[in-house]
Amino acid sequence: MKKQGEDILKNSALSVTASRKRILDIFLAADNALAHQDIETKCADQYDRVTIYRTLQTFLEKGIIHNIPSTDNMVRYALCNEACITTGHHHDNHVHFRCDACGKTVCLDDVNIPAVNLPRGYTMKEINMVVNGICKSCK
């Protein structure tokens, strides 16, 4: 796992620092999206809140992670797919699923967001689609 994290940082033209490696390792080990608080809980003994925030912002800018809005006003972050990481641009349009029972948010990479035909004069920047329900683990 460590080598993969270092490769992602190097391919994204980022310095390989202990904090970046640690936070990236947390994402690589996660099976769902993470909030800032989740990451802080896992490494607060090593890094302060500001370091974590700045690292997340850097990862967003470099296309390593993407953010997922939610109705509880807590932004969650998920590791981008390989295409985003290698190009440094977030260009995977997929659905996110938030479980009402366990609270986990996951990327559904195989489910595409339906095409949206905007009226003339409107320009689309991004689409975020979050589906709420009960996940397969909680059913």
C-alpha atoms as a PDB file:
ATOM      1  CA  MET A   1       0.000   0.000   0.000  1.00  0.00           C
ATOM      2  CA  LYS A   2       2.817   2.465   0.830  1.00  0.00           C
ATOM      3  CA  LYS A   3       4.457   2.140  -2.576  1.00  0.00           C
ATOM      4  CA  GLN A   4       1.147   2.777  -4.310  1.00  0.00           C
ATOM      5  CA  GLY A   5       0.596   5.934  -2.243  1.00  0.00           C
ATOM      6  CA  GLU A   6       4.094   7.208  -2.986  1.00  0.00           C
ATOM      7  CA  ASP A   7       3.562   6.533  -6.695  1.00  0.00           C
ATOM      8  CA  ILE A   8       0.305   8.521  -6.671  1.00  0.00           C
ATOM      9  CA  LEU A   9       2.033  11.469  -4.998  1.00  0.00           C
ATOM     10  CA  LYS A  10       4.995  11.373  -7.398  1.00  0.00           C
ATOM     11  CA  ASN A  11       2.734  11.024 -10.465  1.00  0.00           C
ATOM     12  CA  SER A  12       0.774  14.043  -9.221  1.00  0.00           C
ATOM     13  CA  ALA A  13       3.997  16.084  -8.989  1.00  0.00           C
ATOM     14  CA  LEU A  14       3.694  16.344  -5.207  1.00  0.00           C
ATOM     15  CA  SER A  15       6.451  16.069  -2.659  1.00  0.00           C
ATOM     16  CA  VAL A  16       6.268  12.829  -0.721  1.00  0.00           C
ATOM     17  CA  THR A  17       5.812  13.987   2.871  1.00  0.00           C
ATOM     18  CA  ALA A  18       4.894  11.943   5.909  1.00  0.00           C
ATOM     19  CA  SER A  19       1.521  13.674   6.296  1.00  0.00           C
ATOM     20  CA  ARG A  20       0.565  13.218   2.629  1.00  0.00           C
ATOM     21  CA  LYS A  21       1.589   9.550   2.693  1.00  0.00           C
ATOM     22  CA  ARG A  22      -0.352   8.912   5.917  1.00  0.00           C
ATOM     23  CA  ILE A  23      -3.540  10.628   4.723  1.00  0.00           C
ATOM     24  CA  LEU A  24      -3.342   8.953   1.318  1.00  0.00           C
ATOM     25  CA  ASP A  25      -2.864   5.567   3.019  1.00  0.00           C
ATOM     26  CA  ILE A  26      -6.078   6.230   4.984  1.00  0.00           C
ATOM     27  CA  PHE A  27      -7.938   6.791   1.701  1.00  0.00           C
ATOM     28  CA  LEU A  28      -6.389   3.727   0.080  1.00  0.00           C
ATOM     29  CA  ALA A  29      -7.513   1.558   3.006  1.00  0.00           C
ATOM     30  CA  ALA A  30     -11.044   3.004   3.166  1.00  0.00           C
ATOM     31  CA  ASP A  31     -14.011   1.307   1.543  1.00  0.00           C
ATOM     32  CA  ASN A  32     -16.179   4.416   1.724  1.00  0.00           C
ATOM     33  CA  ALA A  33     -15.938   8.206   1.549  1.00  0.00           C
ATOM     34  CA  LEU A  34     -14.355   9.989   4.500  1.00  0.00           C
ATOM     35  CA  ALA A  35     -15.113  13.266   6.239  1.00  0.00           C
ATOM     36  CA  HIS A  36     -12.382  15.553   7.564  1.00  0.00           C
ATOM     37  CA  GLN A  37     -13.309  14.350  11.054  1.00  0.00           C
ATOM     38  CA  ASP A  38     -12.758  10.701  10.059  1.00  0.00           C
ATOM     39  CA  ILE A  39      -9.243  11.481   8.897  1.00  0.00           C
ATOM     40  CA  GLU A  40      -8.541  13.641  11.921  1.00  0.00           C
ATOM     41  CA  THR A  41      -9.612  10.798  14.223  1.00  0.00           C
ATOM     42  CA  LYS A  42      -7.188   8.415  12.520  1.00  0.00           C
ATOM     43  CA  CYS A  43      -4.147  10.694  12.621  1.00  0.00           C
ATOM     44  CA  ALA A  44      -4.783  13.536  15.079  1.00  0.00           C
ATOM     45  CA  ASP A  45      -1.940  12.286  17.231  1.00  0.00           C
ATOM     46  CA  GLN A  46       0.456  13.045  14.357  1.00  0.00           C
ATOM     47  CA  TYR A  47      -1.031  15.985  12.419  1.00  0.00           C
ATOM     48  CA  ASP A  48      -3.130  18.986  13.323  1.00  0.00           C
ATOM     49  CA  ARG A  49      -6.441  19.992  11.774  1.00  0.00           C
ATOM     50  CA  VAL A  50      -4.856  22.609   9.489  1.00  0.00           C
ATOM     51  CA  THR A  51      -2.318  20.161   8.048  1.00  0.00           C
ATOM     52  CA  ILE A  52      -5.115  17.706   7.298  1.00  0.00           C
ATOM     53  CA  TYR A  53      -7.254  20.434   5.706  1.00  0.00           C
ATOM     54  CA  ARG A  54      -4.395  21.676   3.520  1.00  0.00           C
ATOM     55  CA  THR A  55      -3.524  18.144   2.465  1.00  0.00           C
ATOM     56  CA  LEU A  56      -7.146  17.478   1.469  1.00  0.00           C
ATOM     57  CA  GLN A  57      -7.242  20.719  -0.536  1.00  0.00           C
ATOM     58  CA  THR A  58      -4.015  19.781  -2.320  1.00  0.00           C
ATOM     59  CA  PHE A  59      -5.374  16.314  -3.108  1.00  0.00           C
ATOM     60  CA  LEU A  60      -8.572  17.909  -4.486  1.00  0.00           C
ATOM     61  CA  GLU A  61      -6.595  20.310  -6.697  1.00  0.00           C
ATOM     62  CA  LYS A  62      -4.432  17.480  -8.042  1.00  0.00           C
ATOM     63  CA  GLY A  63      -7.396  15.180  -8.786  1.00  0.00           C
ATOM     64  CA  ILE A  64      -6.376  12.547  -6.247  1.00  0.00           C
ATOM     65  CA  ILE A  65      -9.647  12.805  -4.337  1.00  0.00           C
ATOM     66  CA  HIS A  66     -13.041  14.308  -5.058  1.00  0.00           C
ATOM     67  CA  ASN A  67     -15.610  15.765  -2.705  1.00  0.00           C
ATOM     68  CA  ILE A  68     -19.140  14.535  -2.243  1.00  0.00           C
ATOM     69  CA  PRO A  69     -21.771  16.970  -0.969  1.00  0.00           C
ATOM     70  CA  SER A  70     -24.324  15.750   1.517  1.00  0.00           C
ATOM     71  CA  THR A  71     -27.544  16.888   3.106  1.00  0.00           C
ATOM     72  CA  ASP A  72     -25.964  16.915   6.581  1.00  0.00           C
ATOM     73  CA  ASN A  73     -23.584  19.726   5.497  1.00  0.00           C
ATOM     74  CA  MET A  74     -20.563  17.490   6.001  1.00  0.00           C
ATOM     75  CA  VAL A  75     -18.367  17.221   2.940  1.00  0.00           C
ATOM     76  CA  ARG A  76     -16.979  13.766   2.361  1.00  0.00           C
ATOM     77  CA  TYR A  77     -13.997  12.861   0.232  1.00  0.00           C
ATOM     78  CA  ALA A  78     -13.285   9.764  -1.828  1.00  0.00           C
ATOM     79  CA  LEU A  79     -10.261   8.592  -3.741  1.00  0.00           C
ATOM     80  CA  CYS A  80     -10.606   9.283  -7.447  1.00  0.00           C
ATOM     81  CA  ASN A  81     -10.402   6.485  -9.955  1.00  0.00           C
ATOM     82  CA  GLU A  82      -7.174   5.736 -11.788  1.00  0.00           C
ATOM     83  CA  ALA A  83      -8.014   7.947 -14.786  1.00  0.00           C
ATOM     84  CA  CYS A  84      -8.406  11.038 -12.595  1.00  0.00           C
ATOM     85  CA  ILE A  85      -5.234  10.340 -10.654  1.00  0.00           C
ATOM     86  CA  THR A  86      -3.058   9.823 -13.736  1.00  0.00           C
ATOM     87  CA  THR A  87      -4.360  12.902 -15.576  1.00  0.00           C
ATOM     88  CA  GLY A  88      -4.819  15.138 -12.527  1.00  0.00           C
ATOM     89  CA  HIS A  89      -8.328  16.118 -13.625  1.00  0.00           C
ATOM     90  CA  HIS A  90     -11.563  14.874 -12.114  1.00  0.00           C
ATOM     91  CA  HIS A  91     -13.582  13.580 -15.030  1.00  0.00           C
ATOM     92  CA  ASP A  92     -15.432  10.542 -13.778  1.00  0.00           C
ATOM     93  CA  ASN A  93     -19.156  11.122 -13.664  1.00  0.00           C
ATOM     94  CA  HIS A  94     -20.571   8.530 -11.341  1.00  0.00           C
ATOM     95  CA  VAL A  95     -23.307   8.282  -8.747  1.00  0.00           C
ATOM     96  CA  HIS A  96     -22.609   8.381  -5.024  1.00  0.00           C
ATOM     97  CA  PHE A  97     -24.731   6.376  -2.586  1.00  0.00           C
ATOM     98  CA  ARG A  98     -25.331   7.344   1.051  1.00  0.00           C
ATOM     99  CA  CYS A  99     -26.793   4.665   3.323  1.00  0.00           C
ATOM    100  CA  ASP A 100     -29.474   5.928   5.695  1.00  0.00           C
ATOM    101  CA  ALA A 101     -28.772   3.072   8.110  1.00  0.00           C
ATOM    102  CA  CYS A 102     -24.966   2.991   8.522  1.00  0.00           C
ATOM    103  CA  GLY A 103     -24.169   6.476   7.168  1.00  0.00           C
ATOM    104  CA  LYS A 104     -21.486   5.298   4.739  1.00  0.00           C
ATOM    105  CA  THR A 105     -21.103   7.065   1.413  1.00  0.00           C
ATOM    106  CA  VAL A 106     -19.654   5.090  -1.482  1.00  0.00           C
ATOM    107  CA  CYS A 107     -18.841   5.787  -5.109  1.00  0.00           C
ATOM    108  CA  LEU A 108     -20.816   3.703  -7.581  1.00  0.00           C
ATOM    109  CA  ASP A 109     -18.296   3.861 -10.411  1.00  0.00           C
ATOM    110  CA  ASP A 110     -20.356   1.619 -12.686  1.00  0.00           C
ATOM    111  CA  VAL A 111     -23.447   3.839 -12.489  1.00  0.00           C
ATOM    112  CA  ASN A 112     -23.242   6.876 -14.743  1.00  0.00           C
ATOM    113  CA  ILE A 113     -25.057  10.108 -14.122  1.00  0.00           C
ATOM    114  CA  PRO A 114     -27.758  10.532 -16.763  1.00  0.00           C
ATOM    115  CA  ALA A 115     -27.164  13.174 -19.429  1.00  0.00           C
ATOM    116  CA  VAL A 116     -28.533  16.597 -18.587  1.00  0.00           C
ATOM    117  CA  ASN A 117     -29.597  18.779 -21.485  1.00  0.00           C
ATOM    118  CA  LEU A 118     -29.359  22.360 -20.330  1.00  0.00           C
ATOM    119  CA  PRO A 119     -31.189  25.216 -22.024  1.00  0.00           C
ATOM    120  CA  ARG A 120     -29.276  27.368 -24.471  1.00  0.00           C
ATOM    121  CA  GLY A 121     -26.908  29.784 -22.752  1.00  0.00           C
ATOM    122  CA  TYR A 122     -26.147  27.544 -19.757  1.00  0.00           C
ATOM    123  CA  THR A 123     -22.758  25.899 -19.373  1.00  0.00           C
ATOM    124  CA  MET A 124     -22.284  22.870 -17.172  1.00  0.00           C
ATOM    125  CA  LYS A 125     -19.275  22.755 -14.879  1.00  0.00           C
ATOM    126  CA  GLU A 126     -19.980  19.602 -12.873  1.00  0.00           C
ATOM    127  CA  ILE A 127     -22.787  17.335 -11.739  1.00  0.00           C
ATOM    128  CA  ASN A 128     -23.087  15.796  -8.311  1.00  0.00           C
ATOM    129  CA  MET A 129     -25.561  13.003  -7.788  1.00  0.00           C
ATOM    130  CA  VAL A 130     -26.086  11.417  -4.394  1.00  0.00           C
ATOM    131  CA  VAL A 131     -28.650   8.668  -3.976  1.00  0.00           C
ATOM    132  CA  ASN A 132     -29.891   7.955  -0.438  1.00  0.00           C
ATOM    133  CA  GLY A 133     -31.218   4.581   0.648  1.00  0.00           C
ATOM    134  CA  ILE A 134     -30.132   1.366   2.311  1.00  0.00           C
ATOM    135  CA  CYS A 135     -26.854  -0.261   1.225  1.00  0.00           C
ATOM    136  CA  LYS A 136     -26.440  -3.958   0.522  1.00  0.00           C
ATOM    137  CA  SER A 137     -24.654  -4.504   3.854  1.00  0.00           C
ATOM    138  CA  CYS A 138     -27.519  -3.054   5.880  1.00  0.00           C
ATOM    139  CA  LYS A 139     -30.375  -4.696   3.989  1.00  0.00           C
END
